[in-house]
């Protein structure tokens, strides 16, 4: 299972392409941060942002007396640069708390005029993936803020290997709620995969269909 998030970004009108900029910022021996390019699994270049940090390791001797030592480490975040129409997006792979470090590093290189906003699915979701795949089955649904009483708000989770029909979930009839995430099982030309959308814009994919599913999701990014 691989997780992805997308961020719509814009560079100053007179600025060169982002790949050409980060190519000039490798992680040299004396640098605290830098970029490199690696092979990607989705058929497009993947870039890796690396930065140095220190962690403290505690060791105990035979008497149980602790000693402390600083160890240098190198952390990384992988991302792709995706163009859809006239817009550009960062595709972050397995995003963590380090996303802010990556965005700050790019902003530092580009300077004034760099803007970046996350893509979310709170109001709309990609549709190309459902129109292009032969068989789609909803197998998981998480609902939040379901108002079931004057002073009672519920969080509900539904799962079924046979598939879920949202219209037949009687428990949700007439109850205001928000969908936090939805998981699907998909089949295309005999190949099976799974796809999960979260309202915050995170997408999880697994199976051999993953490259195709991500490609279809990205076709709709400009509509979100």
C-alpha atoms as a PDB file:
ATOM      1  CA  UNK A   1       0.000   0.000   0.000  1.00  0.00           C
ATOM      2  CA  UNK A   2       1.442   3.362  -1.068  1.00  0.00           C
ATOM      3  CA  UNK A   3       0.034   6.732  -0.010  1.00  0.00           C
ATOM      4  CA  UNK A   4       0.040   9.879  -2.148  1.00  0.00           C
ATOM      5  CA  UNK A   5      -0.947  13.510  -1.779  1.00  0.00           C
ATOM      6  CA  UNK A   6      -0.940  16.285  -4.364  1.00  0.00           C
ATOM      7  CA  UNK A   7      -0.121  19.972  -4.012  1.00  0.00           C
ATOM      8  CA  UNK A   8      -0.944  22.513  -6.711  1.00  0.00           C
ATOM      9  CA  UNK A   9       1.999  24.889  -7.113  1.00  0.00           C
ATOM     10  CA  UNK A  10       2.863  27.917  -9.191  1.00  0.00           C
ATOM     11  CA  UNK A  11       6.208  29.491 -10.029  1.00  0.00           C
ATOM     12  CA  UNK A  12       6.916  33.106 -10.996  1.00  0.00           C
ATOM     13  CA  UNK A  13       6.099  33.668 -14.670  1.00  0.00           C
ATOM     14  CA  UNK A  14       9.723  34.296 -15.634  1.00  0.00           C
ATOM     15  CA  UNK A  15      11.127  31.387 -13.620  1.00  0.00           C
ATOM     16  CA  UNK A  16      12.746  28.272 -15.172  1.00  0.00           C
ATOM     17  CA  UNK A  17      11.235  24.815 -14.645  1.00  0.00           C
ATOM     18  CA  UNK A  18      11.321  23.338 -11.165  1.00  0.00           C
ATOM     19  CA  UNK A  19      13.333  20.224 -12.219  1.00  0.00           C
ATOM     20  CA  UNK A  20      16.102  22.416 -13.602  1.00  0.00           C
ATOM     21  CA  UNK A  21      16.243  24.351 -10.330  1.00  0.00           C
ATOM     22  CA  UNK A  22      16.443  21.396  -7.961  1.00  0.00           C
ATOM     23  CA  UNK A  23      18.981  19.668 -10.233  1.00  0.00           C
ATOM     24  CA  UNK A  24      21.437  22.383  -9.206  1.00  0.00           C
ATOM     25  CA  UNK A  25      20.948  21.641  -5.495  1.00  0.00           C
ATOM     26  CA  UNK A  26      22.395  18.158  -4.777  1.00  0.00           C
ATOM     27  CA  UNK A  27      23.165  16.954  -1.275  1.00  0.00           C
ATOM     28  CA  UNK A  28      26.867  17.729  -1.153  1.00  0.00           C
ATOM     29  CA  UNK A  29      29.053  16.479   1.751  1.00  0.00           C
ATOM     30  CA  UNK A  30      28.924  19.885   3.422  1.00  0.00           C
ATOM     31  CA  UNK A  31      25.277  20.670   2.604  1.00  0.00           C
ATOM     32  CA  UNK A  32      22.481  20.310   5.148  1.00  0.00           C
ATOM     33  CA  UNK A  33      19.896  19.538   2.466  1.00  0.00           C
ATOM     34  CA  UNK A  34      19.637  18.794  -1.240  1.00  0.00           C
ATOM     35  CA  UNK A  35      17.853  16.943  -4.027  1.00  0.00           C
ATOM     36  CA  UNK A  36      18.519  13.971  -6.270  1.00  0.00           C
ATOM     37  CA  UNK A  37      16.638  12.137  -9.012  1.00  0.00           C
ATOM     38  CA  UNK A  38      15.727   8.452  -8.803  1.00  0.00           C
ATOM     39  CA  UNK A  39      13.780   5.995 -10.937  1.00  0.00           C
ATOM     40  CA  UNK A  40      10.051   6.042 -10.315  1.00  0.00           C
ATOM     41  CA  UNK A  41       7.493   3.243 -10.337  1.00  0.00           C
ATOM     42  CA  UNK A  42       4.808   5.331 -12.064  1.00  0.00           C
ATOM     43  CA  UNK A  43       6.663   5.849 -15.326  1.00  0.00           C
ATOM     44  CA  UNK A  44       7.776   9.417 -14.576  1.00  0.00           C
ATOM     45  CA  UNK A  45      10.843  10.850 -12.828  1.00  0.00           C
ATOM     46  CA  UNK A  46      10.859  10.842  -9.051  1.00  0.00           C
ATOM     47  CA  UNK A  47      12.832  13.387  -7.080  1.00  0.00           C
ATOM     48  CA  UNK A  48      14.134  12.867  -3.572  1.00  0.00           C
ATOM     49  CA  UNK A  49      14.545  15.670  -1.068  1.00  0.00           C
ATOM     50  CA  UNK A  50      17.193  14.810   1.534  1.00  0.00           C
ATOM     51  CA  UNK A  51      18.139  16.624   4.705  1.00  0.00           C
ATOM     52  CA  UNK A  52      20.526  15.916   7.535  1.00  0.00           C
ATOM     53  CA  UNK A  53      19.574  15.688  11.185  1.00  0.00           C
ATOM     54  CA  UNK A  54      20.924  14.282  14.421  1.00  0.00           C
ATOM     55  CA  UNK A  55      19.447  11.774  16.817  1.00  0.00           C
ATOM     56  CA  UNK A  56      20.586  10.937  20.336  1.00  0.00           C
ATOM     57  CA  UNK A  57      21.349   7.266  21.027  1.00  0.00           C
ATOM     58  CA  UNK A  58      21.356   6.029  24.598  1.00  0.00           C
ATOM     59  CA  UNK A  59      23.643   3.156  25.602  1.00  0.00           C
ATOM     60  CA  UNK A  60      23.879   1.386  28.978  1.00  0.00           C
ATOM     61  CA  UNK A  61      27.005  -0.234  30.363  1.00  0.00           C
ATOM     62  CA  UNK A  62      27.097  -3.407  32.464  1.00  0.00           C
ATOM     63  CA  UNK A  63      26.150  -1.434  35.571  1.00  0.00           C
ATOM     64  CA  UNK A  64      23.169   0.188  33.876  1.00  0.00           C
ATOM     65  CA  UNK A  65      24.773   3.617  33.659  1.00  0.00           C
ATOM     66  CA  UNK A  66      23.570   5.434  30.542  1.00  0.00           C
ATOM     67  CA  UNK A  67      25.756   7.276  28.085  1.00  0.00           C
ATOM     68  CA  UNK A  68      24.566   9.425  25.208  1.00  0.00           C
ATOM     69  CA  UNK A  69      25.889   9.849  21.703  1.00  0.00           C
ATOM     70  CA  UNK A  70      24.748  11.967  18.768  1.00  0.00           C
ATOM     71  CA  UNK A  71      24.382  10.141  15.451  1.00  0.00           C
ATOM     72  CA  UNK A  72      24.125  11.888  12.078  1.00  0.00           C
ATOM     73  CA  UNK A  73      21.229  10.718   9.895  1.00  0.00           C
ATOM     74  CA  UNK A  74      19.856  11.553   6.452  1.00  0.00           C
ATOM     75  CA  UNK A  75      16.070  11.733   6.006  1.00  0.00           C
ATOM     76  CA  UNK A  76      14.235  11.890   2.691  1.00  0.00           C
ATOM     77  CA  UNK A  77      10.880  12.558   1.048  1.00  0.00           C
ATOM     78  CA  UNK A  78      10.089  11.357  -2.482  1.00  0.00           C
ATOM     79  CA  UNK A  79       7.967  13.433  -4.841  1.00  0.00           C
ATOM     80  CA  UNK A  80       7.024  13.740  -8.492  1.00  0.00           C
ATOM     81  CA  UNK A  81       6.301  16.802 -10.614  1.00  0.00           C
ATOM     82  CA  UNK A  82       3.085  16.415 -12.595  1.00  0.00           C
ATOM     83  CA  UNK A  83       1.744  18.694 -15.335  1.00  0.00           C
ATOM     84  CA  UNK A  84      -1.989  18.536 -16.076  1.00  0.00           C
ATOM     85  CA  UNK A  85      -3.094  21.004 -18.705  1.00  0.00           C
ATOM     86  CA  UNK A  86      -1.535  24.342 -17.795  1.00  0.00           C
ATOM     87  CA  UNK A  87      -1.252  23.539 -14.088  1.00  0.00           C
ATOM     88  CA  UNK A  88       1.555  21.890 -12.124  1.00  0.00           C
ATOM     89  CA  UNK A  89       1.379  19.624  -9.089  1.00  0.00           C
ATOM     90  CA  UNK A  90       3.729  18.013  -6.605  1.00  0.00           C
ATOM     91  CA  UNK A  91       2.913  14.358  -6.014  1.00  0.00           C
ATOM     92  CA  UNK A  92       4.217  13.419  -2.562  1.00  0.00           C
ATOM     93  CA  UNK A  93       4.832   9.716  -1.971  1.00  0.00           C
ATOM     94  CA  UNK A  94       4.125   8.342   1.509  1.00  0.00           C
ATOM     95  CA  UNK A  95       3.805  11.862   2.985  1.00  0.00           C
ATOM     96  CA  UNK A  96       4.681  12.439   6.611  1.00  0.00           C
ATOM     97  CA  UNK A  97       5.350  15.360   8.882  1.00  0.00           C
ATOM     98  CA  UNK A  98       8.345  16.252   6.712  1.00  0.00           C
ATOM     99  CA  UNK A  99       6.205  17.731   3.912  1.00  0.00           C
ATOM    100  CA  UNK A 100       6.667  21.193   5.379  1.00  0.00           C
ATOM    101  CA  UNK A 101      10.456  20.769   5.209  1.00  0.00           C
ATOM    102  CA  UNK A 102      10.216  19.945   1.500  1.00  0.00           C
ATOM    103  CA  UNK A 103       7.928  22.874   0.715  1.00  0.00           C
ATOM    104  CA  UNK A 104      10.119  25.254   2.696  1.00  0.00           C
ATOM    105  CA  UNK A 105      13.196  24.057   0.790  1.00  0.00           C
ATOM    106  CA  UNK A 106      11.514  24.635  -2.585  1.00  0.00           C
ATOM    107  CA  UNK A 107      10.234  28.040  -1.491  1.00  0.00           C
ATOM    108  CA  UNK A 108      13.743  28.987  -0.400  1.00  0.00           C
ATOM    109  CA  UNK A 109      15.126  28.081  -3.852  1.00  0.00           C
ATOM    110  CA  UNK A 110      12.360  29.766  -5.844  1.00  0.00           C
ATOM    111  CA  UNK A 111      11.828  32.811  -3.648  1.00  0.00           C
ATOM    112  CA  UNK A 112       8.937  35.243  -3.904  1.00  0.00           C
ATOM    113  CA  UNK A 113       6.160  34.147  -6.237  1.00  0.00           C
ATOM    114  CA  UNK A 114       6.101  30.482  -5.251  1.00  0.00           C
ATOM    115  CA  UNK A 115       2.654  29.332  -4.114  1.00  0.00           C
ATOM    116  CA  UNK A 116       1.533  25.866  -3.084  1.00  0.00           C
ATOM    117  CA  UNK A 117      -1.844  24.553  -1.899  1.00  0.00           C
ATOM    118  CA  UNK A 118      -2.971  20.997  -1.080  1.00  0.00           C
ATOM    119  CA  UNK A 119      -5.560  19.244  -3.245  1.00  0.00           C
ATOM    120  CA  UNK A 120      -8.463  17.888  -1.187  1.00  0.00           C
ATOM    121  CA  UNK A 121     -11.568  15.792  -1.915  1.00  0.00           C
ATOM    122  CA  UNK A 122     -13.955  17.490   0.491  1.00  0.00           C
ATOM    123  CA  UNK A 123     -16.194  18.885  -2.244  1.00  0.00           C
ATOM    124  CA  UNK A 124     -15.370  16.683  -5.222  1.00  0.00           C
ATOM    125  CA  UNK A 125     -13.514  13.507  -6.123  1.00  0.00           C
ATOM    126  CA  UNK A 126     -11.789  12.282  -9.286  1.00  0.00           C
ATOM    127  CA  UNK A 127     -14.221  10.584 -11.664  1.00  0.00           C
ATOM    128  CA  UNK A 128     -12.014   9.350 -14.535  1.00  0.00           C
ATOM    129  CA  UNK A 129     -10.941   6.328 -12.517  1.00  0.00           C
ATOM    130  CA  UNK A 130     -14.559   5.137 -12.203  1.00  0.00           C
ATOM    131  CA  UNK A 131     -15.326   5.775 -15.870  1.00  0.00           C
ATOM    132  CA  UNK A 132     -12.261   3.926 -17.176  1.00  0.00           C
ATOM    133  CA  UNK A 133     -12.140   0.795 -15.008  1.00  0.00           C
ATOM    134  CA  UNK A 134     -14.234  -2.246 -15.914  1.00  0.00           C
ATOM    135  CA  UNK A 135     -15.407  -3.191 -12.409  1.00  0.00           C
ATOM    136  CA  UNK A 136     -15.561  -0.970  -9.331  1.00  0.00           C
ATOM    137  CA  UNK A 137     -16.805  -2.101  -5.928  1.00  0.00           C
ATOM    138  CA  UNK A 138     -17.068   0.024  -2.782  1.00  0.00           C
ATOM    139  CA  UNK A 139     -15.682  -2.135   0.043  1.00  0.00           C
ATOM    140  CA  UNK A 140     -15.059   0.383   2.819  1.00  0.00           C
ATOM    141  CA  UNK A 141     -16.630   3.619   4.012  1.00  0.00           C
ATOM    142  CA  UNK A 142     -15.765   5.867   6.974  1.00  0.00           C
ATOM    143  CA  UNK A 143     -18.241   8.517   8.036  1.00  0.00           C
ATOM    144  CA  UNK A 144     -17.633  11.345  10.529  1.00  0.00           C
ATOM    145  CA  UNK A 145     -19.771  14.073  12.092  1.00  0.00           C
ATOM    146  CA  UNK A 146     -22.923  11.984  11.765  1.00  0.00           C
ATOM    147  CA  UNK A 147     -25.463  13.888  13.867  1.00  0.00           C
ATOM    148  CA  UNK A 148     -27.636  11.206  15.456  1.00  0.00           C
ATOM    149  CA  UNK A 149     -29.053  13.298  18.280  1.00  0.00           C
ATOM    150  CA  UNK A 150     -29.177  16.761  19.762  1.00  0.00           C
ATOM    151  CA  UNK A 151     -25.987  16.196  21.731  1.00  0.00           C
ATOM    152  CA  UNK A 152     -24.666  13.086  19.996  1.00  0.00           C
ATOM    153  CA  UNK A 153     -22.232  12.941  17.082  1.00  0.00           C
ATOM    154  CA  UNK A 154     -21.088   9.564  15.743  1.00  0.00           C
ATOM    155  CA  UNK A 155     -18.184   8.206  13.773  1.00  0.00           C
ATOM    156  CA  UNK A 156     -19.131   5.142  11.712  1.00  0.00           C
ATOM    157  CA  UNK A 157     -17.140   2.652   9.671  1.00  0.00           C
ATOM    158  CA  UNK A 158     -18.589   0.164   7.171  1.00  0.00           C
ATOM    159  CA  UNK A 159     -16.819  -2.718   5.403  1.00  0.00           C
ATOM    160  CA  UNK A 160     -17.942  -5.496   3.069  1.00  0.00           C
ATOM    161  CA  UNK A 161     -16.071  -7.820   0.722  1.00  0.00           C
ATOM    162  CA  UNK A 162     -19.256  -8.129  -1.340  1.00  0.00           C
ATOM    163  CA  UNK A 163     -19.592  -4.380  -1.853  1.00  0.00           C
ATOM    164  CA  UNK A 164     -21.472  -1.528  -0.223  1.00  0.00           C
ATOM    165  CA  UNK A 165     -24.402   0.382  -1.721  1.00  0.00           C
ATOM    166  CA  UNK A 166     -24.455   3.779   0.052  1.00  0.00           C
ATOM    167  CA  UNK A 167     -28.127   4.359  -0.779  1.00  0.00           C
ATOM    168  CA  UNK A 168     -29.019   1.218   1.180  1.00  0.00           C
ATOM    169  CA  UNK A 169     -27.277   2.258   4.389  1.00  0.00           C
ATOM    170  CA  UNK A 170     -30.491   2.824   6.316  1.00  0.00           C
ATOM    171  CA  UNK A 171     -28.578   3.916   9.399  1.00  0.00           C
ATOM    172  CA  UNK A 172     -27.493   7.078   7.539  1.00  0.00           C
ATOM    173  CA  UNK A 173     -30.889   7.996   6.126  1.00  0.00           C
ATOM    174  CA  UNK A 174     -31.736  11.597   7.003  1.00  0.00           C
ATOM    175  CA  UNK A 175     -28.602  12.001   9.119  1.00  0.00           C
ATOM    176  CA  UNK A 176     -26.204  14.845   8.211  1.00  0.00           C
ATOM    177  CA  UNK A 177     -22.697  13.409   7.859  1.00  0.00           C
ATOM    178  CA  UNK A 178     -19.375  13.734   6.100  1.00  0.00           C
ATOM    179  CA  UNK A 179     -17.464  10.987   4.304  1.00  0.00           C
ATOM    180  CA  UNK A 180     -13.934  10.799   5.655  1.00  0.00           C
ATOM    181  CA  UNK A 181     -12.711   8.050   3.326  1.00  0.00           C
ATOM    182  CA  UNK A 182     -13.946   5.492   0.802  1.00  0.00           C
ATOM    183  CA  UNK A 183     -12.153   2.319  -0.317  1.00  0.00           C
ATOM    184  CA  UNK A 184     -12.714   0.567  -3.627  1.00  0.00           C
ATOM    185  CA  UNK A 185     -11.753  -2.723  -5.215  1.00  0.00           C
ATOM    186  CA  UNK A 186     -11.143  -2.330  -8.958  1.00  0.00           C
ATOM    187  CA  UNK A 187     -10.589  -4.781 -11.812  1.00  0.00           C
ATOM    188  CA  UNK A 188      -9.176  -3.887 -15.225  1.00  0.00           C
ATOM    189  CA  UNK A 189      -8.335  -6.505 -17.870  1.00  0.00           C
ATOM    190  CA  UNK A 190      -8.280  -9.173 -15.182  1.00  0.00           C
ATOM    191  CA  UNK A 191      -5.906  -7.208 -12.936  1.00  0.00           C
ATOM    192  CA  UNK A 192      -7.102  -6.257  -9.466  1.00  0.00           C
ATOM    193  CA  UNK A 193      -6.184  -3.242  -7.351  1.00  0.00           C
ATOM    194  CA  UNK A 194      -7.424  -1.223  -4.405  1.00  0.00           C
ATOM    195  CA  UNK A 195      -7.895   2.520  -4.108  1.00  0.00           C
ATOM    196  CA  UNK A 196      -8.826   4.634  -1.082  1.00  0.00           C
ATOM    197  CA  UNK A 197      -9.789   8.310  -1.153  1.00  0.00           C
ATOM    198  CA  UNK A 198      -9.617  10.426   2.000  1.00  0.00           C
ATOM    199  CA  UNK A 199     -11.316  13.814   2.231  1.00  0.00           C
ATOM    200  CA  UNK A 200      -8.016  15.518   3.128  1.00  0.00           C
ATOM    201  CA  UNK A 201      -6.622  14.594  -0.310  1.00  0.00           C
ATOM    202  CA  UNK A 202      -4.686  11.463   0.622  1.00  0.00           C
ATOM    203  CA  UNK A 203      -4.915   8.494  -1.744  1.00  0.00           C
ATOM    204  CA  UNK A 204      -3.838   4.931  -0.996  1.00  0.00           C
ATOM    205  CA  UNK A 205      -3.240   2.424  -3.784  1.00  0.00           C
ATOM    206  CA  UNK A 206      -2.120  -1.185  -3.908  1.00  0.00           C
ATOM    207  CA  UNK A 207      -1.835  -3.957  -6.468  1.00  0.00           C
ATOM    208  CA  UNK A 208      -0.595  -4.099 -10.050  1.00  0.00           C
ATOM    209  CA  UNK A 209      -3.135  -1.481 -11.107  1.00  0.00           C
ATOM    210  CA  UNK A 210      -1.467   1.206  -8.988  1.00  0.00           C
ATOM    211  CA  UNK A 211       0.315   3.078 -11.859  1.00  0.00           C
ATOM    212  CA  UNK A 212      -2.869   3.214 -13.942  1.00  0.00           C
ATOM    213  CA  UNK A 213      -5.025   4.275 -10.996  1.00  0.00           C
ATOM    214  CA  UNK A 214      -2.697   7.141 -10.091  1.00  0.00           C
ATOM    215  CA  UNK A 215      -2.596   8.247 -13.740  1.00  0.00           C
ATOM    216  CA  UNK A 216      -6.410   8.366 -13.842  1.00  0.00           C
ATOM    217  CA  UNK A 217      -6.631  10.280 -10.577  1.00  0.00           C
ATOM    218  CA  UNK A 218      -4.167  12.868 -11.889  1.00  0.00           C
ATOM    219  CA  UNK A 219      -6.275  13.448 -15.000  1.00  0.00           C
ATOM    220  CA  UNK A 220      -8.881  15.094 -12.767  1.00  0.00           C
ATOM    221  CA  UNK A 221      -6.587  17.185 -10.593  1.00  0.00           C
ATOM    222  CA  UNK A 222      -7.364  20.421 -12.431  1.00  0.00           C
ATOM    223  CA  UNK A 223     -11.080  19.983 -11.625  1.00  0.00           C
ATOM    224  CA  UNK A 224     -10.539  19.718  -7.875  1.00  0.00           C
END
